[in-house]
Amino acid sequence: MVKSFYEANPAMKENAMKGIPQRRLGKPEEVAELVTFLLTSKAQYINGEVIRIDGGFTNTK
């Protein structure tokens, strides 16, 4: 849904990326990689955390 919105509104996409330190939108695969990690035994001691996958966007506020 977001992809089709930004394809139809390229200026909005450029504006959105200005607020992201990495200057790009995230990919679904990047979210999937974190989810996959959290499902492994390597993440068994992690609990009750908010892990942001936003290219540093929330760190700029």
Protein backbone atom coordinates (compact mmCIF):
# COMPACT_ATOMS: atom_id res chain seq x y z
CA MET A 1 0.00 0.00 0.00
CA VAL A 2 2.76 2.46 0.90
CA LYS A 3 4.76 1.46 -2.16
CA SER A 4 1.88 2.24 -4.53
CA PHE A 5 1.21 5.52 -2.70
CA TYR A 6 4.80 6.69 -3.11
CA GLU A 7 4.90 5.54 -6.73
CA ALA A 8 1.91 7.78 -7.38
CA ASN A 9 3.35 10.62 -5.25
CA PRO A 10 7.13 10.76 -5.73
CA ALA A 11 7.41 14.19 -4.09
CA MET A 12 5.85 12.78 -0.91
CA LYS A 13 8.38 9.94 -0.95
CA GLU A 14 11.29 12.37 -1.25
CA ASN A 15 9.89 14.47 1.58
CA ALA A 16 9.48 11.41 3.81
CA MET A 17 13.05 10.26 3.17
CA LYS A 18 14.44 13.65 4.23
CA GLY A 19 13.42 12.84 7.81
CA ILE A 20 15.19 9.46 7.82
CA PRO A 21 18.94 9.60 8.57
CA GLN A 22 19.62 6.69 6.20
CA ARG A 23 17.80 8.64 3.45
CA ARG A 24 15.81 5.65 2.24
CA LEU A 25 12.69 3.70 3.07
CA GLY A 26 12.98 0.35 4.78
CA LYS A 27 12.43 -2.90 2.94
CA PRO A 28 10.05 -5.69 4.02
CA GLU A 29 13.04 -8.05 3.98
CA GLU A 30 14.74 -5.95 6.67
CA VAL A 31 11.76 -6.37 8.98
CA ALA A 32 11.62 -10.09 8.18
CA GLU A 33 15.29 -10.49 9.13
CA LEU A 34 14.65 -9.05 12.59
CA VAL A 35 11.56 -11.20 13.08
CA THR A 36 13.54 -14.27 12.01
CA PHE A 37 16.29 -13.43 14.50
CA LEU A 38 13.77 -12.93 17.32
CA LEU A 39 12.37 -16.39 16.62
CA THR A 40 15.76 -18.04 17.15
CA SER A 41 17.37 -19.23 20.37
CA LYS A 42 19.90 -16.40 20.00
CA ALA A 43 17.17 -13.99 21.07
CA GLN A 44 15.83 -16.06 23.95
CA TYR A 45 17.00 -13.58 26.61
CA ILE A 46 15.33 -10.61 24.91
CA ASN A 47 11.90 -9.72 26.23
CA GLY A 48 9.77 -6.66 26.75
CA GLU A 49 11.67 -4.51 24.27
CA VAL A 50 10.59 -2.14 21.52
CA ILE A 51 12.92 -2.57 18.58
CA ARG A 52 12.47 0.18 16.03
CA ILE A 53 13.23 -0.55 12.40
CA ASP A 54 13.04 2.95 11.00
CA GLY A 55 16.46 3.92 9.66
CA GLY A 56 17.07 6.16 12.68
CA PHE A 57 13.92 8.25 12.21
CA THR A 58 12.88 8.11 15.88
CA ASN A 59 16.38 9.08 17.03
CA THR A 60 16.11 12.44 15.30
CA LYS A 61 13.15 13.67 17.34
